[in-house]
C-alpha atoms as a PDB file:
ATOM      1  CA  UNK A   1      -0.616  -1.652 -14.286  1.00  0.00           C
ATOM      2  CA  UNK A   2      -3.298  -2.319 -11.716  1.00  0.00           C
ATOM      3  CA  UNK A   3      -6.802  -0.985 -12.212  1.00  0.00           C
ATOM      4  CA  UNK A   4      -7.729   2.274 -10.506  1.00  0.00           C
ATOM      5  CA  UNK A   5     -11.249   1.044  -9.813  1.00  0.00           C
ATOM      6  CA  UNK A   6     -12.126   2.039  -6.266  1.00  0.00           C
ATOM      7  CA  UNK A   7     -14.488   4.015  -4.096  1.00  0.00           C
ATOM      8  CA  UNK A   8     -17.871   2.525  -4.985  1.00  0.00           C
ATOM      9  CA  UNK A   9     -17.428  -0.732  -3.088  1.00  0.00           C
ATOM     10  CA  UNK A  10     -17.467  -2.736  -6.323  1.00  0.00           C
ATOM     11  CA  UNK A  11     -14.401  -4.827  -5.563  1.00  0.00           C
ATOM     12  CA  UNK A  12     -14.129  -7.767  -7.939  1.00  0.00           C
ATOM     13  CA  UNK A  13     -10.503  -8.742  -7.287  1.00  0.00           C
ATOM     14  CA  UNK A  14      -9.485  -6.497  -4.380  1.00  0.00           C
ATOM     15  CA  UNK A  15      -5.838  -5.767  -3.717  1.00  0.00           C
ATOM     16  CA  UNK A  16      -4.042  -3.761  -1.047  1.00  0.00           C
ATOM     17  CA  UNK A  17      -0.563  -2.254  -1.340  1.00  0.00           C
ATOM     18  CA  UNK A  18       1.509  -2.426   1.837  1.00  0.00           C
ATOM     19  CA  UNK A  19       5.044  -1.504   2.790  1.00  0.00           C
ATOM     20  CA  UNK A  20       7.593  -4.176   3.562  1.00  0.00           C
ATOM     21  CA  UNK A  21       8.169  -6.042   5.824  1.00  0.00           C
ATOM     22  CA  UNK A  22       4.458  -5.948   6.761  1.00  0.00           C
ATOM     23  CA  UNK A  23       3.328  -7.205   3.346  1.00  0.00           C
ATOM     24  CA  UNK A  24       5.383 -10.406   3.436  1.00  0.00           C
ATOM     25  CA  UNK A  25       4.640 -11.013   7.110  1.00  0.00           C
ATOM     26  CA  UNK A  26       0.938 -11.039   6.233  1.00  0.00           C
ATOM     27  CA  UNK A  27       1.289 -13.314   3.201  1.00  0.00           C
ATOM     28  CA  UNK A  28       3.469 -15.741   5.172  1.00  0.00           C
ATOM     29  CA  UNK A  29       0.803 -16.044   7.860  1.00  0.00           C
ATOM     30  CA  UNK A  30       2.920 -14.492  10.608  1.00  0.00           C
ATOM     31  CA  UNK A  31       0.861 -11.320  10.694  1.00  0.00           C
ATOM     32  CA  UNK A  32      -2.779 -12.248  11.242  1.00  0.00           C
ATOM     33  CA  UNK A  33      -4.222  -8.815  11.877  1.00  0.00           C
ATOM     34  CA  UNK A  34      -3.992  -5.973   9.365  1.00  0.00           C
ATOM     35  CA  UNK A  35      -4.419  -2.738  11.264  1.00  0.00           C
ATOM     36  CA  UNK A  36      -6.070   0.291   9.676  1.00  0.00           C
ATOM     37  CA  UNK A  37      -7.677   3.571  10.666  1.00  0.00           C
ATOM     38  CA  UNK A  38     -10.783   2.546   8.704  1.00  0.00           C
ATOM     39  CA  UNK A  39     -12.918  -0.623   8.684  1.00  0.00           C
ATOM     40  CA  UNK A  40     -12.422  -3.245   6.006  1.00  0.00           C
ATOM     41  CA  UNK A  41     -14.574  -2.575   2.922  1.00  0.00           C
ATOM     42  CA  UNK A  42     -14.422  -6.223   1.856  1.00  0.00           C
ATOM     43  CA  UNK A  43     -14.838  -9.753   3.129  1.00  0.00           C
ATOM     44  CA  UNK A  44     -13.144 -12.552   1.234  1.00  0.00           C
ATOM     45  CA  UNK A  45      -9.948 -12.796  -0.769  1.00  0.00           C
ATOM     46  CA  UNK A  46      -7.598  -9.825  -0.599  1.00  0.00           C
ATOM     47  CA  UNK A  47      -4.488  -9.719  -2.771  1.00  0.00           C
ATOM     48  CA  UNK A  48      -1.364  -8.236  -1.188  1.00  0.00           C
ATOM     49  CA  UNK A  49       1.103  -6.092  -3.118  1.00  0.00           C
ATOM     50  CA  UNK A  50       4.411  -4.808  -1.727  1.00  0.00           C
ATOM     51  CA  UNK A  51       5.170  -1.123  -2.244  1.00  0.00           C
ATOM     52  CA  UNK A  52       8.426   0.031  -3.783  1.00  0.00           C
ATOM     53  CA  UNK A  53      10.337   1.186  -0.702  1.00  0.00           C
ATOM     54  CA  UNK A  54      13.111  -1.207   0.302  1.00  0.00           C
ATOM     55  CA  UNK A  55      12.799  -1.829   4.056  1.00  0.00           C
ATOM     56  CA  UNK A  56      15.799  -0.880   6.148  1.00  0.00           C
ATOM     57  CA  UNK A  57      17.382  -3.504   8.421  1.00  0.00           C
ATOM     58  CA  UNK A  58      16.234  -1.687  11.568  1.00  0.00           C
ATOM     59  CA  UNK A  59      12.588  -1.840  10.487  1.00  0.00           C
ATOM     60  CA  UNK A  60      12.821  -5.529   9.640  1.00  0.00           C
ATOM     61  CA  UNK A  61      14.468  -6.281  12.982  1.00  0.00           C
ATOM     62  CA  UNK A  62      11.854  -4.281  14.905  1.00  0.00           C
ATOM     63  CA  UNK A  63       8.947  -6.123  13.312  1.00  0.00           C
ATOM     64  CA  UNK A  64      10.540  -9.556  13.582  1.00  0.00           C
ATOM     65  CA  UNK A  65      11.284  -8.906  17.270  1.00  0.00           C
ATOM     66  CA  UNK A  66       7.659  -7.807  17.740  1.00  0.00           C
ATOM     67  CA  UNK A  67       6.278 -11.040  16.322  1.00  0.00           C
ATOM     68  CA  UNK A  68       8.812 -13.197  18.165  1.00  0.00           C
ATOM     69  CA  UNK A  69       7.551 -11.735  21.426  1.00  0.00           C
ATOM     70  CA  UNK A  70       3.873 -12.143  20.497  1.00  0.00           C
ATOM     71  CA  UNK A  71       4.259 -15.744  19.379  1.00  0.00           C
ATOM     72  CA  UNK A  72       6.305 -16.591  22.480  1.00  0.00           C
ATOM     73  CA  UNK A  73       3.202 -15.784  24.544  1.00  0.00           C
ATOM     74  CA  UNK A  74       1.565 -18.780  22.860  1.00  0.00           C
ATOM     75  CA  UNK A  75       4.550 -21.113  23.107  1.00  0.00           C
ATOM     76  CA  UNK A  76       6.081 -20.602  19.647  1.00  0.00           C
ATOM     77  CA  UNK A  77       9.789 -19.952  20.117  1.00  0.00           C
ATOM     78  CA  UNK A  78      11.195 -20.837  16.683  1.00  0.00           C
ATOM     79  CA  UNK A  79       9.226 -18.495  14.446  1.00  0.00           C
ATOM     80  CA  UNK A  80      10.347 -18.699  10.806  1.00  0.00           C
ATOM     81  CA  UNK A  81      10.522 -15.426   8.886  1.00  0.00           C
ATOM     82  CA  UNK A  82      10.744 -14.797   5.123  1.00  0.00           C
ATOM     83  CA  UNK A  83      14.270 -14.892   3.735  1.00  0.00           C
ATOM     84  CA  UNK A  84      13.561 -11.892   1.508  1.00  0.00           C
ATOM     85  CA  UNK A  85      11.183  -8.937   1.470  1.00  0.00           C
ATOM     86  CA  UNK A  86      10.691  -8.134  -2.243  1.00  0.00           C
ATOM     87  CA  UNK A  87       9.292  -4.766  -3.301  1.00  0.00           C
ATOM     88  CA  UNK A  88       7.030  -3.621  -6.161  1.00  0.00           C
ATOM     89  CA  UNK A  89       5.628  -7.140  -6.376  1.00  0.00           C
ATOM     90  CA  UNK A  90       2.291  -8.884  -5.997  1.00  0.00           C
ATOM     91  CA  UNK A  91       3.070 -11.380  -3.225  1.00  0.00           C
ATOM     92  CA  UNK A  92      -0.061 -13.466  -2.678  1.00  0.00           C
ATOM     93  CA  UNK A  93      -3.379 -13.225  -0.875  1.00  0.00           C
ATOM     94  CA  UNK A  94      -5.255 -13.758   2.375  1.00  0.00           C
ATOM     95  CA  UNK A  95      -8.906 -14.226   3.276  1.00  0.00           C
ATOM     96  CA  UNK A  96     -10.372 -11.312   5.218  1.00  0.00           C
ATOM     97  CA  UNK A  97     -13.052 -12.911   7.378  1.00  0.00           C
ATOM     98  CA  UNK A  98     -14.108  -9.831   9.292  1.00  0.00           C
ATOM     99  CA  UNK A  99     -13.125  -6.638  11.055  1.00  0.00           C
ATOM    100  CA  UNK A 100     -13.284  -5.618  14.722  1.00  0.00           C
ATOM    101  CA  UNK A 101     -12.064  -2.703  16.785  1.00  0.00           C
ATOM    102  CA  UNK A 102      -8.760  -2.852  18.618  1.00  0.00           C
ATOM    103  CA  UNK A 103     -10.631  -2.831  21.933  1.00  0.00           C
ATOM    104  CA  UNK A 104     -12.674  -5.861  20.886  1.00  0.00           C
ATOM    105  CA  UNK A 105      -9.562  -7.675  19.685  1.00  0.00           C
ATOM    106  CA  UNK A 106      -7.675  -7.004  22.917  1.00  0.00           C
ATOM    107  CA  UNK A 107     -10.373  -8.644  25.046  1.00  0.00           C
ATOM    108  CA  UNK A 108     -11.223 -11.526  22.676  1.00  0.00           C
ATOM    109  CA  UNK A 109     -10.579 -14.608  24.788  1.00  0.00           C
ATOM    110  CA  UNK A 110     -11.268 -17.066  21.942  1.00  0.00           C
ATOM    111  CA  UNK A 111      -8.049 -16.255  20.060  1.00  0.00           C
ATOM    112  CA  UNK A 112      -4.354 -16.682  21.000  1.00  0.00           C
ATOM    113  CA  UNK A 113      -2.871 -14.184  23.437  1.00  0.00           C
ATOM    114  CA  UNK A 114      -0.336 -12.853  20.960  1.00  0.00           C
ATOM    115  CA  UNK A 115      -2.952 -12.080  18.338  1.00  0.00           C
ATOM    116  CA  UNK A 116      -4.825  -9.877  20.815  1.00  0.00           C
ATOM    117  CA  UNK A 117      -1.782  -7.609  20.961  1.00  0.00           C
ATOM    118  CA  UNK A 118      -1.470  -7.208  17.183  1.00  0.00           C
ATOM    119  CA  UNK A 119      -4.196  -4.578  17.061  1.00  0.00           C
ATOM    120  CA  UNK A 120      -2.324  -1.283  17.296  1.00  0.00           C
ATOM    121  CA  UNK A 121      -4.813   0.717  15.184  1.00  0.00           C
ATOM    122  CA  UNK A 122      -8.534   1.552  15.533  1.00  0.00           C
ATOM    123  CA  UNK A 123      -9.716  -1.198  13.163  1.00  0.00           C
ATOM    124  CA  UNK A 124      -8.352  -4.725  12.835  1.00  0.00           C
ATOM    125  CA  UNK A 125      -8.877  -6.739   9.653  1.00  0.00           C
ATOM    126  CA  UNK A 126      -8.924 -10.448  10.516  1.00  0.00           C
ATOM    127  CA  UNK A 127      -6.895 -12.507   8.045  1.00  0.00           C
ATOM    128  CA  UNK A 128      -6.846 -16.269   7.442  1.00  0.00           C
ATOM    129  CA  UNK A 129      -5.672 -18.771   4.807  1.00  0.00           C
ATOM    130  CA  UNK A 130      -2.514 -17.039   3.536  1.00  0.00           C
ATOM    131  CA  UNK A 131      -1.273 -18.052   0.101  1.00  0.00           C
ATOM    132  CA  UNK A 132       1.904 -16.875  -1.589  1.00  0.00           C
ATOM    133  CA  UNK A 133       2.913 -16.619  -5.221  1.00  0.00           C
ATOM    134  CA  UNK A 134       5.724 -18.974  -6.163  1.00  0.00           C
ATOM    135  CA  UNK A 135       7.016 -16.189  -8.411  1.00  0.00           C
ATOM    136  CA  UNK A 136       5.897 -12.727  -7.234  1.00  0.00           C
ATOM    137  CA  UNK A 137       4.585 -10.522 -10.054  1.00  0.00           C
ATOM    138  CA  UNK A 138       6.106  -7.113 -10.681  1.00  0.00           C
ATOM    139  CA  UNK A 139       3.373  -4.477 -10.779  1.00  0.00           C
ATOM    140  CA  UNK A 140       2.472  -0.983  -9.649  1.00  0.00           C
ATOM    141  CA  UNK A 141       0.109  -0.388  -6.773  1.00  0.00           C
ATOM    142  CA  UNK A 142      -2.343   2.274  -5.630  1.00  0.00           C
ATOM    143  CA  UNK A 143      -3.644   3.769  -2.420  1.00  0.00           C
ATOM    144  CA  UNK A 144      -6.677   2.166  -0.834  1.00  0.00           C
ATOM    145  CA  UNK A 145      -8.281  -1.092  -1.901  1.00  0.00           C
ATOM    146  CA  UNK A 146      -8.303  -1.441  -5.684  1.00  0.00           C
ATOM    147  CA  UNK A 147      -9.067  -4.126  -8.268  1.00  0.00           C
ATOM    148  CA  UNK A 148      -6.342  -6.164  -9.922  1.00  0.00           C
ATOM    149  CA  UNK A 149      -6.175  -5.993 -13.674  1.00  0.00           C
ATOM    150  CA  UNK A 150      -7.639  -9.150 -15.226  1.00  0.00           C
ATOM    151  CA  UNK A 151      -4.427 -10.313 -16.899  1.00  0.00           C
ATOM    152  CA  UNK A 152      -2.489 -10.032 -13.625  1.00  0.00           C
ATOM    153  CA  UNK A 153      -5.210 -11.888 -11.765  1.00  0.00           C
ATOM    154  CA  UNK A 154      -5.235 -14.753 -14.263  1.00  0.00           C
ATOM    155  CA  UNK A 155      -1.494 -15.248 -13.943  1.00  0.00           C
ATOM    156  CA  UNK A 156      -1.551 -14.944 -10.168  1.00  0.00           C
ATOM    157  CA  UNK A 157      -4.244 -17.589  -9.762  1.00  0.00           C
ATOM    158  CA  UNK A 158      -2.011 -20.098 -11.547  1.00  0.00           C
ATOM    159  CA  UNK A 159       0.940 -19.456  -9.247  1.00  0.00           C
ATOM    160  CA  UNK A 160      -0.578 -19.588  -5.758  1.00  0.00           C
ATOM    161  CA  UNK A 161       0.722 -21.933  -3.086  1.00  0.00           C
ATOM    162  CA  UNK A 162      -0.839 -22.390   0.402  1.00  0.00           C
ATOM    163  CA  UNK A 163       1.290 -21.238   3.328  1.00  0.00           C
ATOM    164  CA  UNK A 164       1.726 -23.473   6.363  1.00  0.00           C
ATOM    165  CA  UNK A 165       1.554 -20.865   9.097  1.00  0.00           C
ATOM    166  CA  UNK A 166       3.071 -21.789  12.466  1.00  0.00           C
ATOM    167  CA  UNK A 167       0.083 -20.623  14.494  1.00  0.00           C
ATOM    168  CA  UNK A 168      -2.883 -20.117  12.138  1.00  0.00           C
ATOM    169  CA  UNK A 169      -6.120 -18.738  13.536  1.00  0.00           C
ATOM    170  CA  UNK A 170      -9.678 -19.631  12.677  1.00  0.00           C
ATOM    171  CA  UNK A 171     -11.549 -16.588  13.927  1.00  0.00           C
ATOM    172  CA  UNK A 172     -14.868 -17.709  15.459  1.00  0.00           C
ATOM    173  CA  UNK A 173     -17.972 -16.038  14.070  1.00  0.00           C
ATOM    174  CA  UNK A 174     -20.366 -14.370  16.544  1.00  0.00           C
ATOM    175  CA  UNK A 175     -23.174 -15.865  14.455  1.00  0.00           C
ATOM    176  CA  UNK A 176     -22.072 -19.137  12.794  1.00  0.00           C
ATOM    177  CA  UNK A 177     -24.993 -18.823  10.375  1.00  0.00           C
ATOM    178  CA  UNK A 178     -23.768 -15.460   9.112  1.00  0.00           C
ATOM    179  CA  UNK A 179     -20.369 -15.329   7.404  1.00  0.00           C
ATOM    180  CA  UNK A 180     -20.468 -11.521   7.613  1.00  0.00           C
ATOM    181  CA  UNK A 181     -21.119 -11.321  11.353  1.00  0.00           C
ATOM    182  CA  UNK A 182     -17.545 -10.367  12.350  1.00  0.00           C
ATOM    183  CA  UNK A 183     -17.784  -6.593  12.201  1.00  0.00           C
ATOM    184  CA  UNK A 184     -17.058  -3.673  14.538  1.00  0.00           C
ATOM    185  CA  UNK A 185     -19.352  -3.853  17.539  1.00  0.00           C
ATOM    186  CA  UNK A 186     -20.141  -7.555  17.081  1.00  0.00           C
ATOM    187  CA  UNK A 187     -18.046  -8.806  20.018  1.00  0.00           C
ATOM    188  CA  UNK A 188     -18.790  -8.397  23.681  1.00  0.00           C
ATOM    189  CA  UNK A 189     -15.978  -6.633  25.470  1.00  0.00           C
ATOM    190  CA  UNK A 190     -14.525  -8.692  28.279  1.00  0.00           C
ATOM    191  CA  UNK A 191     -13.560  -7.321  31.669  1.00  0.00           C
ATOM    192  CA  UNK A 192     -10.560  -9.661  31.672  1.00  0.00           C
ATOM    193  CA  UNK A 193      -7.416  -7.806  32.732  1.00  0.00           C
ATOM    194  CA  UNK A 194      -5.011 -10.373  31.311  1.00  0.00           C
ATOM    195  CA  UNK A 195      -3.829  -8.007  28.565  1.00  0.00           C
ATOM    196  CA  UNK A 196      -2.253  -5.601  31.039  1.00  0.00           C
ATOM    197  CA  UNK A 197      -0.491  -8.548  32.621  1.00  0.00           C
ATOM    198  CA  UNK A 198       0.787  -9.711  29.216  1.00  0.00           C
ATOM    199  CA  UNK A 199       2.303  -6.326  28.425  1.00  0.00           C
ATOM    200  CA  UNK A 200       3.986  -5.989  31.824  1.00  0.00           C
ATOM    201  CA  UNK A 201       7.095  -7.731  30.479  1.00  0.00           C
ATOM    202  CA  UNK A 202       9.805  -5.123  29.725  1.00  0.00           C
ATOM    203  CA  UNK A 203      10.916  -7.121  26.684  1.00  0.00           C
ATOM    204  CA  UNK A 204       7.401  -7.245  25.278  1.00  0.00           C
ATOM    205  CA  UNK A 205       6.830  -3.562  26.005  1.00  0.00           C
ATOM    206  CA  UNK A 206      10.024  -2.714  24.136  1.00  0.00           C
ATOM    207  CA  UNK A 207       8.982  -4.863  21.175  1.00  0.00           C
ATOM    208  CA  UNK A 208       5.569  -3.177  20.960  1.00  0.00           C
ATOM    209  CA  UNK A 209       7.135   0.270  21.144  1.00  0.00           C
ATOM    210  CA  UNK A 210       9.629  -0.738  18.459  1.00  0.00           C
ATOM    211  CA  UNK A 211       6.803  -1.854  16.181  1.00  0.00           C
ATOM    212  CA  UNK A 212       4.969   1.433  16.697  1.00  0.00           C
ATOM    213  CA  UNK A 213       8.095   3.424  15.933  1.00  0.00           C
ATOM    214  CA  UNK A 214       8.802   1.378  12.808  1.00  0.00           C
ATOM    215  CA  UNK A 215       5.324   2.061  11.451  1.00  0.00           C
ATOM    216  CA  UNK A 216       5.151   5.768  12.227  1.00  0.00           C
ATOM    217  CA  UNK A 217       7.985   6.465   9.771  1.00  0.00           C
ATOM    218  CA  UNK A 218       5.282   6.217   7.076  1.00  0.00           C
ATOM    219  CA  UNK A 219       2.333   7.918   8.748  1.00  0.00           C
ATOM    220  CA  UNK A 220       3.364  11.483   7.892  1.00  0.00           C
ATOM    221  CA  UNK A 221       4.829  10.790   4.459  1.00  0.00           C
ATOM    222  CA  UNK A 222       2.551   8.260   2.837  1.00  0.00           C
ATOM    223  CA  UNK A 223      -0.559   6.318   3.736  1.00  0.00           C
ATOM    224  CA  UNK A 224       0.082   2.845   2.423  1.00  0.00           C
ATOM    225  CA  UNK A 225      -0.447   1.621   5.942  1.00  0.00           C
ATOM    226  CA  UNK A 226       1.640  -0.916   7.775  1.00  0.00           C
ATOM    227  CA  UNK A 227       0.395  -1.933  11.201  1.00  0.00           C
ATOM    228  CA  UNK A 228      -0.100   0.523  12.760  1.00  0.00           C
ATOM    229  CA  UNK A 229      -0.848   2.679   9.724  1.00  0.00           C
ATOM    230  CA  UNK A 230      -3.235   5.035   8.060  1.00  0.00           C
ATOM    231  CA  UNK A 231      -4.339   5.114   4.475  1.00  0.00           C
ATOM    232  CA  UNK A 232      -5.612   7.753   2.116  1.00  0.00           C
ATOM    233  CA  UNK A 233      -7.402   7.327  -1.175  1.00  0.00           C
ATOM    234  CA  UNK A 234      -6.722   7.807  -4.824  1.00  0.00           C
ATOM    235  CA  UNK A 235      -2.969   8.263  -5.150  1.00  0.00           C
ATOM    236  CA  UNK A 236      -0.657   6.229  -7.309  1.00  0.00           C
ATOM    237  CA  UNK A 237       2.107   4.305  -5.578  1.00  0.00           C
ATOM    238  CA  UNK A 238       5.336   3.656  -7.430  1.00  0.00           C
ATOM    239  CA  UNK A 239       8.946   2.826  -6.683  1.00  0.00           C
ATOM    240  CA  UNK A 240       9.448   6.229  -5.073  1.00  0.00           C
ATOM    241  CA  UNK A 241       6.991   5.495  -2.275  1.00  0.00           C
ATOM    242  CA  UNK A 242       8.484   6.278   1.119  1.00  0.00           C
END
């Protein structure tokens, strides 16, 4: 079982449990922004664990349609999705390089257009360098950011494989000399109105609304937190998570 260590900011091997399909989309590099109602407590490697609820076909379709539309804004029309969305498994990891507000993300002209529209929650965790486990580990997860148990970590490190994302992002630092400079309030908000023009497409609007609807199925029942999502603290997550 994963360690319950949390709350004091002492994250040695931080892990986050997410519902499917959001968990796999992040590990496969398709999802580049992890949306939360709270700012990221860590910078660096974040392990991703899939909660126990099997995603229904409608949810998978809604999220895949959402990312197809976002990537199409940047010229990617053959987006490859995971073949499976396993549950109750440690899937891999990403590098969290910073956190900004959704308003900052939406007006950030230095990143692809589609990525600016991923931020559907107050805080946006910026994720790079996805790696997946060749054989996902079965384990139990917890609410919030928690530390992986040492034995699980040791096995996971041996089974990581880099993911070749179709449109990876290297998020530019406001201060290249400071690796921790990407934080809420660090970006200048642009007056560019291009975002409203991007979302004027009926197809894109429908995809965004579908993604919101898919995520809100969890917001009143549990707080594991897909994008958009909200997350509580301290509760155990098992195969009954809904």
